[in-house]
Amino acid sequence: MSTAQTIVAAALWVVVLGLLALVLLLYRHVDRAYSSSGFGKSMGLMPGVEVPPLEIMTNSGPSVLRLPGEEEGRYILSFVNAECAGCVALLETLGRERAFKGTAIAILVQPVPVGHGTPEAPPNVQMHGSASPVDVRRHFGITFVPLVYVMRGTKVLAAGGGATEAEVKELLVTAKQNEAEVMASAADSIEVSTRNMASSDA
């Protein structure tokens, strides 16, 4: 191979490696933007799903959190982290009565890192730390935070990842639209279970 051919081959390799580096850089940039936007991520549990018991940390150790009953109406159950700007924004939103006037519960999914304070919750928001971050992520379908559930008893009415007042209100509207169907389905399930039990006793 002549000197000129060697130079040309080397130049082509430099161009190819440069293009590969550019493609990798673009891929990482798009992936980061895609991940931070929440697109493609699971929005948690589906409407109608009954959530499992939720263990929180108390001064005396792990304890199962009492969730509001069906008779207490709709409430918000949110999952947040200490290092999440959107989570802080969500807590501020829930603290404004014009956004939501009912019961609001915030669960810290991860322990607070050293050097970081616990996010300050408004007086109307109950803040608790999760007793088992791994289990709570798996059982509640948490793939990102903040994750917000609108609940009635132990039933999911709607789920989303919003933090602004407009997003929370939109989620509440969706929950209201789903509520009749979800609660009717729950009542039907109870009726079927009761009939099955009666049949087995007979």
N, C-alpha and C. Protein backbone atom coordinates (compact mmCIF):
# COMPACT_ATOMS: atom_id res chain seq x y z
N MET A 1 0.86 -1.20 0.00
CA MET A 1 0.00 0.00 0.00
C MET A 1 0.89 1.24 0.00
N SER A 2 0.58 2.18 -0.89
CA SER A 2 1.37 3.39 -0.98
C SER A 2 1.09 4.32 0.19
N THR A 3 1.95 5.31 0.33
CA THR A 3 1.78 6.30 1.40
C THR A 3 0.45 7.03 1.27
N ALA A 4 0.08 7.38 0.02
CA ALA A 4 -1.18 8.10 -0.21
C ALA A 4 -2.38 7.26 0.20
N GLN A 5 -2.33 5.95 -0.13
CA GLN A 5 -3.44 5.06 0.23
C GLN A 5 -3.55 4.90 1.75
N THR A 6 -2.39 4.84 2.39
CA THR A 6 -2.37 4.72 3.86
C THR A 6 -3.00 5.94 4.51
N ILE A 7 -2.66 7.12 3.97
CA ILE A 7 -3.22 8.37 4.52
C ILE A 7 -4.73 8.41 4.32
N VAL A 8 -5.18 8.01 3.12
CA VAL A 8 -6.62 8.00 2.83
C VAL A 8 -7.35 7.03 3.74
N ALA A 9 -6.78 5.82 3.94
CA ALA A 9 -7.41 4.83 4.81
C ALA A 9 -7.49 5.33 6.25
N ALA A 10 -6.42 5.95 6.71
CA ALA A 10 -6.41 6.50 8.07
C ALA A 10 -7.46 7.59 8.23
N ALA A 11 -7.56 8.44 7.19
CA ALA A 11 -8.55 9.52 7.24
C ALA A 11 -9.97 8.97 7.28
N LEU A 12 -10.22 7.91 6.51
CA LEU A 12 -11.55 7.29 6.50
C LEU A 12 -11.89 6.70 7.88
N TRP A 13 -10.89 6.07 8.51
CA TRP A 13 -11.12 5.51 9.84
C TRP A 13 -11.43 6.61 10.85
N VAL A 14 -10.74 7.73 10.72
CA VAL A 14 -10.99 8.87 11.62
C VAL A 14 -12.43 9.37 11.44
N VAL A 15 -12.86 9.45 10.18
CA VAL A 15 -14.23 9.90 9.89
C VAL A 15 -15.25 8.93 10.46
N VAL A 16 -15.01 7.62 10.24
CA VAL A 16 -15.94 6.60 10.74
C VAL A 16 -16.03 6.65 12.27
N LEU A 17 -14.88 6.73 12.94
CA LEU A 17 -14.88 6.79 14.41
C LEU A 17 -15.56 8.07 14.91
N GLY A 18 -15.35 9.16 14.17
CA GLY A 18 -16.00 10.41 14.56
C GLY A 18 -17.51 10.32 14.44
N LEU A 19 -17.98 9.68 13.35
CA LEU A 19 -19.43 9.50 13.16
C LEU A 19 -20.01 8.60 14.24
N LEU A 20 -19.28 7.53 14.60
CA LEU A 20 -19.76 6.64 15.66
C LEU A 20 -19.87 7.38 16.99
N ALA A 21 -18.87 8.22 17.28
CA ALA A 21 -18.90 9.00 18.52
C ALA A 21 -20.08 9.97 18.52
N LEU A 22 -20.36 10.58 17.35
CA LEU A 22 -21.48 11.51 17.23
C LEU A 22 -22.81 10.81 17.43
N VAL A 23 -22.95 9.62 16.82
CA VAL A 23 -24.18 8.84 16.97
C VAL A 23 -24.39 8.47 18.44
N LEU A 24 -23.31 8.03 19.11
CA LEU A 24 -23.41 7.66 20.53
C LEU A 24 -23.81 8.86 21.38
N LEU A 25 -23.23 10.01 21.09
CA LEU A 25 -23.55 11.23 21.83
C LEU A 25 -25.01 11.61 21.64
N LEU A 26 -25.49 11.55 20.40
CA LEU A 26 -26.89 11.87 20.12
C LEU A 26 -27.83 10.89 20.80
N TYR A 27 -27.45 9.60 20.79
CA TYR A 27 -28.28 8.58 21.43
C TYR A 27 -28.42 8.84 22.92
N ARG A 28 -27.30 9.15 23.56
CA ARG A 28 -27.34 9.42 25.01
C ARG A 28 -28.17 10.66 25.31
N HIS A 29 -28.06 11.67 24.46
CA HIS A 29 -28.82 12.90 24.66
C HIS A 29 -30.33 12.65 24.53
N VAL A 30 -30.71 11.93 23.48
CA VAL A 30 -32.13 11.62 23.25
C VAL A 30 -32.66 10.72 24.36
N ASP A 31 -31.87 9.74 24.77
CA ASP A 31 -32.30 8.82 25.82
C ASP A 31 -32.52 9.56 27.14
N ARG A 32 -31.61 10.52 27.43
CA ARG A 32 -31.75 11.28 28.66
C ARG A 32 -33.01 12.15 28.63
N ALA A 33 -33.25 12.79 27.49
CA ALA A 33 -34.44 13.62 27.34
C ALA A 33 -35.70 12.78 27.42
N TYR A 34 -35.67 11.63 26.79
CA TYR A 34 -36.82 10.71 26.77
C TYR A 34 -37.14 10.24 28.18
N SER A 35 -36.09 9.90 28.94
CA SER A 35 -36.29 9.40 30.31
C SER A 35 -36.83 10.48 31.22
N SER A 36 -36.27 11.69 31.10
CA SER A 36 -36.69 12.76 32.00
C SER A 36 -38.09 13.24 31.71
N SER A 37 -38.56 13.03 30.48
CA SER A 37 -39.90 13.51 30.11
C SER A 37 -41.01 12.63 30.64
N GLY A 38 -40.68 11.36 30.97
CA GLY A 38 -41.71 10.45 31.45
C GLY A 38 -42.37 9.67 30.35
N PHE A 39 -42.09 10.00 29.05
CA PHE A 39 -42.70 9.26 27.95
C PHE A 39 -42.19 7.83 27.95
N GLY A 40 -43.11 6.91 27.66
CA GLY A 40 -42.72 5.51 27.57
C GLY A 40 -42.66 4.83 28.92
N LYS A 41 -42.87 5.57 29.99
CA LYS A 41 -42.80 4.97 31.32
C LYS A 41 -44.19 4.57 31.77
N SER A 42 -44.25 3.56 32.58
CA SER A 42 -45.52 3.12 33.12
C SER A 42 -46.07 4.20 34.04
N MET A 43 -47.34 4.49 33.91
CA MET A 43 -47.99 5.47 34.79
C MET A 43 -48.56 4.80 36.02
N GLY A 44 -47.90 3.77 36.51
CA GLY A 44 -48.34 3.13 37.74
C GLY A 44 -49.45 2.13 37.52
N LEU A 45 -50.22 1.90 38.58
CA LEU A 45 -51.29 0.91 38.55
C LEU A 45 -52.50 1.44 37.77
N MET A 46 -53.23 0.52 37.17
CA MET A 46 -54.39 0.88 36.37
C MET A 46 -55.60 1.20 37.24
N PRO A 47 -56.53 2.02 36.75
CA PRO A 47 -57.77 2.29 37.50
C PRO A 47 -58.50 0.99 37.82
N GLY A 48 -59.01 0.90 39.05
CA GLY A 48 -59.72 -0.30 39.48
C GLY A 48 -58.87 -1.27 40.28
N VAL A 49 -57.54 -1.12 40.18
CA VAL A 49 -56.65 -2.02 40.92
C VAL A 49 -56.70 -1.68 42.41
N GLU A 50 -56.73 -2.71 43.23
CA GLU A 50 -56.71 -2.51 44.69
C GLU A 50 -55.26 -2.54 45.16
N VAL A 51 -54.83 -1.50 45.84
CA VAL A 51 -53.44 -1.41 46.25
C VAL A 51 -53.19 -2.32 47.46
N PRO A 52 -51.97 -2.85 47.58
CA PRO A 52 -51.64 -3.69 48.73
C PRO A 52 -51.39 -2.83 49.97
N PRO A 53 -51.26 -3.46 51.14
CA PRO A 53 -50.91 -2.70 52.35
C PRO A 53 -49.60 -1.94 52.14
N LEU A 54 -49.53 -0.75 52.67
CA LEU A 54 -48.37 0.12 52.50
C LEU A 54 -47.66 0.28 53.84
N GLU A 55 -46.43 -0.23 53.93
CA GLU A 55 -45.67 -0.14 55.17
C GLU A 55 -44.84 1.15 55.20
N ILE A 56 -44.94 1.85 56.31
CA ILE A 56 -44.18 3.09 56.50
C ILE A 56 -43.32 2.96 57.75
N MET A 57 -42.34 3.85 57.85
CA MET A 57 -41.49 3.87 59.05
C MET A 57 -42.08 4.84 60.07
N THR A 58 -42.19 4.37 61.31
CA THR A 58 -42.62 5.23 62.41
C THR A 58 -41.52 5.22 63.48
N ASN A 59 -41.72 5.99 64.53
CA ASN A 59 -40.72 6.04 65.61
C ASN A 59 -40.54 4.68 66.29
N SER A 60 -41.58 3.86 66.22
CA SER A 60 -41.50 2.54 66.85
C SER A 60 -41.21 1.42 65.85
N GLY A 61 -40.90 1.79 64.60
CA GLY A 61 -40.57 0.78 63.59
C GLY A 61 -41.58 0.74 62.47
N PRO A 62 -41.48 -0.27 61.60
CA PRO A 62 -42.40 -0.37 60.47
C PRO A 62 -43.85 -0.55 60.93
N SER A 63 -44.77 0.07 60.19
CA SER A 63 -46.19 -0.03 60.51
C SER A 63 -47.00 0.11 59.22
N VAL A 64 -48.14 -0.54 59.15
CA VAL A 64 -48.99 -0.43 57.97
C VAL A 64 -49.78 0.87 58.04
N LEU A 65 -49.70 1.66 56.99
CA LEU A 65 -50.40 2.95 56.93
C LEU A 65 -51.89 2.74 56.77
N ARG A 66 -52.68 3.42 57.57
CA ARG A 66 -54.13 3.38 57.40
C ARG A 66 -54.52 4.35 56.30
N LEU A 67 -55.11 3.81 55.24
CA LEU A 67 -55.59 4.64 54.15
C LEU A 67 -57.03 5.06 54.41
N PRO A 68 -57.43 6.23 53.96
CA PRO A 68 -58.82 6.67 54.14
C PRO A 68 -59.80 5.66 53.55
N GLY A 69 -60.93 5.47 54.21
CA GLY A 69 -61.94 4.53 53.74
C GLY A 69 -62.74 5.10 52.57
N GLU A 70 -63.51 4.23 51.94
CA GLU A 70 -64.32 4.66 50.79
C GLU A 70 -65.28 5.78 51.17
N GLU A 71 -65.81 5.71 52.41
CA GLU A 71 -66.78 6.71 52.85
C GLU A 71 -66.16 8.10 53.01
N GLU A 72 -64.82 8.17 53.02
CA GLU A 72 -64.14 9.45 53.18
C GLU A 72 -63.87 10.15 51.85
N GLY A 73 -64.29 9.53 50.75
CA GLY A 73 -64.17 10.17 49.45
C GLY A 73 -62.81 9.99 48.81
N ARG A 74 -62.59 10.76 47.74
CA ARG A 74 -61.34 10.67 47.01
C ARG A 74 -60.19 11.32 47.80
N TYR A 75 -59.01 10.76 47.64
CA TYR A 75 -57.82 11.36 48.25
C TYR A 75 -56.63 11.12 47.34
N ILE A 76 -55.53 11.80 47.62
CA ILE A 76 -54.32 11.67 46.81
C ILE A 76 -53.24 10.92 47.57
N LEU A 77 -52.68 9.94 46.91
CA LEU A 77 -51.54 9.18 47.44
C LEU A 77 -50.39 9.38 46.46
N SER A 78 -49.36 10.08 46.91
CA SER A 78 -48.25 10.40 46.00
C SER A 78 -46.95 9.78 46.50
N PHE A 79 -46.05 9.55 45.56
CA PHE A 79 -44.74 8.98 45.88
C PHE A 79 -43.67 9.96 45.40
N VAL A 80 -42.77 10.32 46.31
CA VAL A 80 -41.79 11.37 46.04
C VAL A 80 -40.40 10.96 46.53
N ASN A 81 -39.40 11.74 46.14
CA ASN A 81 -38.03 11.59 46.62
C ASN A 81 -37.52 12.92 47.15
N ALA A 82 -36.49 12.87 47.96
CA ALA A 82 -35.95 14.09 48.56
C ALA A 82 -35.19 14.94 47.55
N GLU A 83 -34.60 14.31 46.53
CA GLU A 83 -33.75 15.04 45.58
C GLU A 83 -34.48 15.35 44.27
N CYS A 84 -35.78 15.46 44.30
CA CYS A 84 -36.59 15.59 43.09
C CYS A 84 -37.28 16.95 43.08
N ALA A 85 -36.90 17.81 42.11
CA ALA A 85 -37.50 19.14 42.03
C ALA A 85 -39.00 19.05 41.76
N GLY A 86 -39.40 18.09 40.91
CA GLY A 86 -40.82 17.92 40.62
C GLY A 86 -41.60 17.50 41.85
N CYS A 87 -40.94 16.75 42.74
CA CYS A 87 -41.61 16.30 43.97
C CYS A 87 -41.87 17.48 44.90
N VAL A 88 -40.90 18.37 45.00
CA VAL A 88 -41.08 19.58 45.81
C VAL A 88 -42.21 20.43 45.23
N ALA A 89 -42.23 20.53 43.90
CA ALA A 89 -43.30 21.31 43.24
C ALA A 89 -44.66 20.68 43.51
N LEU A 90 -44.73 19.34 43.50
CA LEU A 90 -45.99 18.66 43.76
C LEU A 90 -46.48 18.96 45.18
N LEU A 91 -45.59 18.88 46.15
CA LEU A 91 -45.97 19.15 47.54
C LEU A 91 -46.50 20.57 47.69
N GLU A 92 -45.86 21.51 47.00
CA GLU A 92 -46.33 22.90 47.04
C GLU A 92 -47.72 23.01 46.42
N THR A 93 -47.93 22.28 45.33
CA THR A 93 -49.25 22.29 44.67
C THR A 93 -50.32 21.74 45.58
N LEU A 94 -50.03 20.60 46.23
CA LEU A 94 -51.02 19.99 47.12
C LEU A 94 -51.32 20.85 48.33
N GLY A 95 -50.40 21.74 48.66
CA GLY A 95 -50.62 22.63 49.79
C GLY A 95 -51.57 23.78 49.49
N ARG A 96 -51.88 23.98 48.21
CA ARG A 96 -52.80 25.05 47.83
C ARG A 96 -54.22 24.51 47.76
N GLU A 97 -55.13 25.09 48.53
CA GLU A 97 -56.50 24.59 48.62
C GLU A 97 -57.22 24.62 47.27
N ARG A 98 -56.87 25.57 46.43
CA ARG A 98 -57.56 25.66 45.14
C ARG A 98 -57.20 24.49 44.23
N ALA A 99 -56.07 23.82 44.54
CA ALA A 99 -55.66 22.65 43.74
C ALA A 99 -56.35 21.39 44.23
N PHE A 100 -56.39 21.23 45.57
CA PHE A 100 -57.00 20.03 46.14
C PHE A 100 -57.32 20.27 47.61
N LYS A 101 -58.56 19.98 48.00
CA LYS A 101 -58.99 20.26 49.37
C LYS A 101 -59.09 19.02 50.25
N GLY A 102 -58.92 17.83 49.66
CA GLY A 102 -59.09 16.61 50.44
C GLY A 102 -57.81 16.14 51.13
N THR A 103 -57.83 14.88 51.55
CA THR A 103 -56.67 14.28 52.19
C THR A 103 -55.58 14.02 51.16
N ALA A 104 -54.35 14.37 51.50
CA ALA A 104 -53.21 14.11 50.63
C ALA A 104 -52.11 13.43 51.44
N ILE A 105 -51.58 12.35 50.89
CA ILE A 105 -50.52 11.58 51.54
C ILE A 105 -49.33 11.52 50.61
N ALA A 106 -48.13 11.78 51.14
CA ALA A 106 -46.90 11.71 50.36
C ALA A 106 -45.98 10.67 50.99
N ILE A 107 -45.48 9.75 50.17
CA ILE A 107 -44.60 8.70 50.64
C ILE A 107 -43.20 8.91 50.06
N LEU A 108 -42.21 9.02 50.94
CA LEU A 108 -40.82 9.11 50.49
C LEU A 108 -40.38 7.71 50.08
N VAL A 109 -40.10 7.52 48.79
CA VAL A 109 -39.77 6.19 48.27
C VAL A 109 -38.40 5.75 48.73
N GLN A 110 -37.44 6.68 48.75
CA GLN A 110 -36.07 6.35 49.15
C GLN A 110 -35.71 7.06 50.44
N PRO A 111 -34.81 6.46 51.25
CA PRO A 111 -34.33 7.17 52.44
C PRO A 111 -33.68 8.49 52.04
N VAL A 112 -33.77 9.48 52.90
CA VAL A 112 -33.19 10.80 52.60
C VAL A 112 -31.68 10.69 52.62
N PRO A 113 -30.99 11.07 51.51
CA PRO A 113 -29.52 10.98 51.46
C PRO A 113 -28.87 11.87 52.51
N VAL A 114 -27.67 11.48 52.92
CA VAL A 114 -26.92 12.29 53.87
C VAL A 114 -26.67 13.67 53.28
N GLY A 115 -26.90 14.70 54.07
CA GLY A 115 -26.70 16.06 53.59
C GLY A 115 -27.93 16.69 52.97
N HIS A 116 -29.01 15.90 52.84
CA HIS A 116 -30.26 16.44 52.29
C HIS A 116 -31.34 16.40 53.35
N GLY A 117 -32.09 17.48 53.44
CA GLY A 117 -33.20 17.50 54.38
C GLY A 117 -34.44 16.86 53.78
N THR A 118 -35.34 16.44 54.65
CA THR A 118 -36.62 15.89 54.18
C THR A 118 -37.44 17.01 53.55
N PRO A 119 -38.03 16.77 52.38
CA PRO A 119 -38.85 17.81 51.76
C PRO A 119 -39.93 18.29 52.73
N GLU A 120 -40.12 19.60 52.77
CA GLU A 120 -41.11 20.15 53.69
C GLU A 120 -42.51 19.97 53.14
N ALA A 121 -43.35 19.30 53.91
CA ALA A 121 -44.73 19.05 53.47
C ALA A 121 -45.65 20.11 54.06
N PRO A 122 -46.61 20.60 53.28
CA PRO A 122 -47.60 21.54 53.81
C PRO A 122 -48.40 20.88 54.94
N PRO A 123 -49.06 21.67 55.78
CA PRO A 123 -49.80 21.12 56.92
C PRO A 123 -50.88 20.11 56.53
N ASN A 124 -51.45 20.25 55.34
CA ASN A 124 -52.54 19.35 54.93
C ASN A 124 -52.04 18.09 54.24
N VAL A 125 -50.71 17.92 54.13
CA VAL A 125 -50.14 16.74 53.48
C VAL A 125 -49.44 15.86 54.52
N GLN A 126 -49.86 14.61 54.61
CA GLN A 126 -49.23 13.65 55.51
C GLN A 126 -47.97 13.09 54.83
N MET A 127 -46.81 13.28 55.46
CA MET A 127 -45.56 12.79 54.89
C MET A 127 -45.06 11.57 55.68
N HIS A 128 -44.76 10.50 54.96
CA HIS A 128 -44.25 9.28 55.59
C HIS A 128 -43.09 8.73 54.78
N GLY A 129 -42.19 8.03 55.45
CA GLY A 129 -41.10 7.34 54.77
C GLY A 129 -41.47 5.89 54.54
N SER A 130 -41.13 5.36 53.38
CA SER A 130 -41.43 3.96 53.08
C SER A 130 -40.55 3.04 53.92
N ALA A 131 -41.14 1.96 54.44
CA ALA A 131 -40.38 0.99 55.24
C ALA A 131 -39.61 0.04 54.34
N SER A 132 -40.03 -0.10 53.09
CA SER A 132 -39.38 -1.02 52.16
C SER A 132 -39.40 -0.42 50.75
N PRO A 133 -38.38 0.40 50.41
CA PRO A 133 -38.37 1.06 49.09
C PRO A 133 -38.49 0.09 47.92
N VAL A 134 -37.84 -1.05 48.01
CA VAL A 134 -37.90 -2.02 46.90
C VAL A 134 -39.31 -2.54 46.70
N ASP A 135 -39.96 -2.93 47.81
CA ASP A 135 -41.32 -3.46 47.72
C ASP A 135 -42.31 -2.40 47.26
N VAL A 136 -42.17 -1.19 47.76
CA VAL A 136 -43.14 -0.16 47.40
C VAL A 136 -43.02 0.20 45.92
N ARG A 137 -41.80 0.19 45.39
CA ARG A 137 -41.63 0.45 43.96
C ARG A 137 -42.29 -0.64 43.13
N ARG A 138 -42.12 -1.89 43.55
CA ARG A 138 -42.67 -3.01 42.79
C ARG A 138 -44.18 -3.08 42.92
N HIS A 139 -44.70 -2.97 44.13
CA HIS A 139 -46.13 -3.15 44.36
C HIS A 139 -46.98 -1.98 43.87
N PHE A 140 -46.38 -0.79 43.82
CA PHE A 140 -47.15 0.39 43.41
C PHE A 140 -46.77 0.89 42.01
N GLY A 141 -45.98 0.09 41.28
CA GLY A 141 -45.67 0.42 39.90
C GLY A 141 -44.90 1.71 39.73
N ILE A 142 -43.96 1.98 40.64
CA ILE A 142 -43.23 3.25 40.60
C ILE A 142 -41.98 3.11 39.74
N THR A 143 -41.99 3.77 38.59
CA THR A 143 -40.81 3.80 37.73
C THR A 143 -40.22 5.20 37.64
N PHE A 144 -40.89 6.19 38.20
CA PHE A 144 -40.41 7.56 38.23
C PHE A 144 -41.17 8.31 39.32
N VAL A 145 -40.62 9.43 39.74
CA VAL A 145 -41.29 10.28 40.73
C VAL A 145 -41.28 11.72 40.20
N PRO A 146 -42.26 12.54 40.59
CA PRO A 146 -43.39 12.16 41.45
C PRO A 146 -44.42 11.32 40.69
N LEU A 147 -44.97 10.36 41.39
CA LEU A 147 -46.08 9.56 40.86
C LEU A 147 -47.29 9.83 41.75
N VAL A 148 -48.40 10.17 41.14
CA VAL A 148 -49.60 10.57 41.89
C VAL A 148 -50.75 9.62 41.59
N TYR A 149 -51.35 9.11 42.66
CA TYR A 149 -52.57 8.32 42.54
C TYR A 149 -53.73 9.10 43.14
N VAL A 150 -54.86 9.07 42.46
CA VAL A 150 -56.11 9.52 43.07
C VAL A 150 -56.84 8.24 43.46
N MET A 151 -57.20 8.15 44.74
CA MET A 151 -57.73 6.91 45.32
C MET A 151 -59.12 7.10 45.89
N ARG A 152 -59.80 5.98 46.06
CA ARG A 152 -61.05 5.92 46.84
C ARG A 152 -60.97 4.61 47.62
N GLY A 153 -60.78 4.70 48.92
CA GLY A 153 -60.52 3.50 49.70
C GLY A 153 -59.18 2.92 49.29
N THR A 154 -59.17 1.66 48.89
CA THR A 154 -57.93 1.03 48.43
C THR A 154 -57.92 0.86 46.91
N LYS A 155 -58.86 1.52 46.22
CA LYS A 155 -58.96 1.41 44.77
C LYS A 155 -58.33 2.61 44.06
N VAL A 156 -57.56 2.30 43.01
CA VAL A 156 -56.98 3.35 42.18
C VAL A 156 -58.05 3.90 41.23
N LEU A 157 -58.20 5.22 41.21
CA LEU A 157 -59.13 5.86 40.28
C LEU A 157 -58.39 6.45 39.08
N ALA A 158 -57.18 6.94 39.32
CA ALA A 158 -56.37 7.51 38.24
C ALA A 158 -54.93 7.62 38.72
N ALA A 159 -54.01 7.66 37.76
CA ALA A 159 -52.58 7.79 38.09
C ALA A 159 -51.90 8.66 37.06
N GLY A 160 -50.89 9.41 37.51
CA GLY A 160 -50.16 10.26 36.59
C GLY A 160 -48.89 10.80 37.23
N GLY A 161 -48.11 11.52 36.43
CA GLY A 161 -46.83 12.02 36.92
C GLY A 161 -46.76 13.53 37.03
N GLY A 162 -47.89 14.21 37.09
CA GLY A 162 -47.88 15.67 37.10
C GLY A 162 -47.50 16.26 38.45
N ALA A 163 -47.08 17.52 38.41
CA ALA A 163 -46.73 18.23 39.65
C ALA A 163 -47.37 19.60 39.73
N THR A 164 -47.84 20.12 38.59
CA THR A 164 -48.43 21.45 38.59
C THR A 164 -49.90 21.40 38.98
N GLU A 165 -50.43 22.56 39.30
CA GLU A 165 -51.84 22.63 39.68
C GLU A 165 -52.75 22.16 38.56
N ALA A 166 -52.44 22.55 37.33
CA ALA A 166 -53.25 22.14 36.18
C ALA A 166 -53.21 20.62 35.99
N GLU A 167 -52.04 20.02 36.17
CA GLU A 167 -51.90 18.58 35.99
C GLU A 167 -52.64 17.81 37.08
N VAL A 168 -52.56 18.31 38.31
CA VAL A 168 -53.28 17.65 39.42
C VAL A 168 -54.78 17.75 39.20
N LYS A 169 -55.26 18.90 38.77
CA LYS A 169 -56.69 19.08 38.53
C LYS A 169 -57.16 18.17 37.39
N GLU A 170 -56.34 18.04 36.36
CA GLU A 170 -56.69 17.17 35.24
C GLU A 170 -56.78 15.71 35.71
N LEU A 171 -55.87 15.32 36.60
CA LEU A 171 -55.89 13.96 37.14
C LEU A 171 -57.13 13.73 37.99
N LEU A 172 -57.54 14.75 38.73
CA LEU A 172 -58.75 14.65 39.55
C LEU A 172 -60.00 14.51 38.68
N VAL A 173 -60.02 15.22 37.56
CA VAL A 173 -61.15 15.10 36.62
C VAL A 173 -61.23 13.68 36.07
N THR A 174 -60.07 13.13 35.69
CA THR A 174 -60.03 11.75 35.18
C THR A 174 -60.51 10.77 36.24
N ALA A 175 -60.09 11.00 37.48
CA ALA A 175 -60.50 10.12 38.58
C ALA A 175 -62.01 10.15 38.78
N LYS A 176 -62.59 11.34 38.70
CA LYS A 176 -64.04 11.48 38.86
C LYS A 176 -64.77 10.74 37.74
N GLN A 177 -64.22 10.81 36.53
CA GLN A 177 -64.84 10.11 35.40
C GLN A 177 -64.77 8.59 35.57
N ASN A 178 -63.68 8.12 36.18
CA ASN A 178 -63.48 6.68 36.36
C ASN A 178 -64.19 6.12 37.59
N GLU A 179 -64.53 7.00 38.53
CA GLU A 179 -64.97 6.56 39.85
C GLU A 179 -66.19 5.64 39.81
N ALA A 180 -67.23 6.03 39.08
CA ALA A 180 -68.47 5.25 39.07
C ALA A 180 -68.20 3.83 38.57
N GLU A 181 -67.44 3.72 37.48
CA GLU A 181 -67.15 2.40 36.91
C GLU A 181 -66.30 1.56 37.84
N VAL A 182 -65.29 2.19 38.46
CA VAL A 182 -64.39 1.45 39.37
C VAL A 182 -65.15 0.93 40.59
N MET A 183 -65.96 1.80 41.19
CA MET A 183 -66.66 1.40 42.41
C MET A 183 -67.76 0.39 42.10
N ALA A 184 -68.41 0.52 40.94
CA ALA A 184 -69.43 -0.45 40.55
C ALA A 184 -68.80 -1.82 40.31
N SER A 185 -67.63 -1.83 39.70
CA SER A 185 -66.91 -3.08 39.47
C SER A 185 -66.52 -3.73 40.78
N ALA A 186 -66.10 -2.91 41.75
CA ALA A 186 -65.73 -3.43 43.07
C ALA A 186 -66.94 -4.04 43.77
N ALA A 187 -68.10 -3.36 43.65
CA ALA A 187 -69.32 -3.88 44.27
C ALA A 187 -69.73 -5.21 43.64
N ASP A 188 -69.59 -5.30 42.30
CA ASP A 188 -69.93 -6.55 41.61
C ASP A 188 -69.02 -7.69 42.07
N SER A 189 -67.75 -7.40 42.27
CA SER A 189 -66.79 -8.41 42.71
C SER A 189 -67.16 -8.93 44.10
N ILE A 190 -67.56 -8.01 44.97
CA ILE A 190 -67.97 -8.39 46.33
C ILE A 190 -69.22 -9.28 46.27
N GLU A 191 -70.16 -8.90 45.40
CA GLU A 191 -71.40 -9.68 45.27
C GLU A 191 -71.12 -11.09 44.78
N VAL A 192 -70.23 -11.20 43.78
CA VAL A 192 -69.87 -12.51 43.25
C VAL A 192 -69.19 -13.35 44.32
N SER A 193 -68.29 -12.74 45.09
CA SER A 193 -67.59 -13.46 46.16
C SER A 193 -68.58 -13.96 47.22
N THR A 194 -69.55 -13.10 47.54
CA THR A 194 -70.56 -13.47 48.54
C THR A 194 -71.39 -14.66 48.03
N ARG A 195 -71.76 -14.63 46.76
CA ARG A 195 -72.54 -15.74 46.19
C ARG A 195 -71.71 -17.03 46.20
N ASN A 196 -70.45 -16.93 45.86
CA ASN A 196 -69.61 -18.11 45.86
C ASN A 196 -69.46 -18.72 47.23
N MET A 197 -69.33 -17.84 48.25
CA MET A 197 -69.21 -18.32 49.62
C MET A 197 -70.50 -19.00 50.07
N ALA A 198 -71.64 -18.39 49.68
CA ALA A 198 -72.93 -18.96 50.05
C ALA A 198 -73.11 -20.33 49.40
N SER A 199 -72.68 -20.45 48.14
CA SER A 199 -72.80 -21.72 47.43
C SER A 199 -71.93 -22.81 48.05
N SER A 200 -70.71 -22.42 48.47
CA SER A 200 -69.82 -23.41 49.06
C SER A 200 -70.31 -23.85 50.44
N ASP A 201 -70.93 -22.92 51.19
CA ASP A 201 -71.48 -23.27 52.50
C ASP A 201 -72.66 -24.23 52.36
N ALA A 202 -73.46 -24.03 51.28
CA ALA A 202 -74.61 -24.89 51.05
C ALA A 202 -74.15 -26.30 50.67
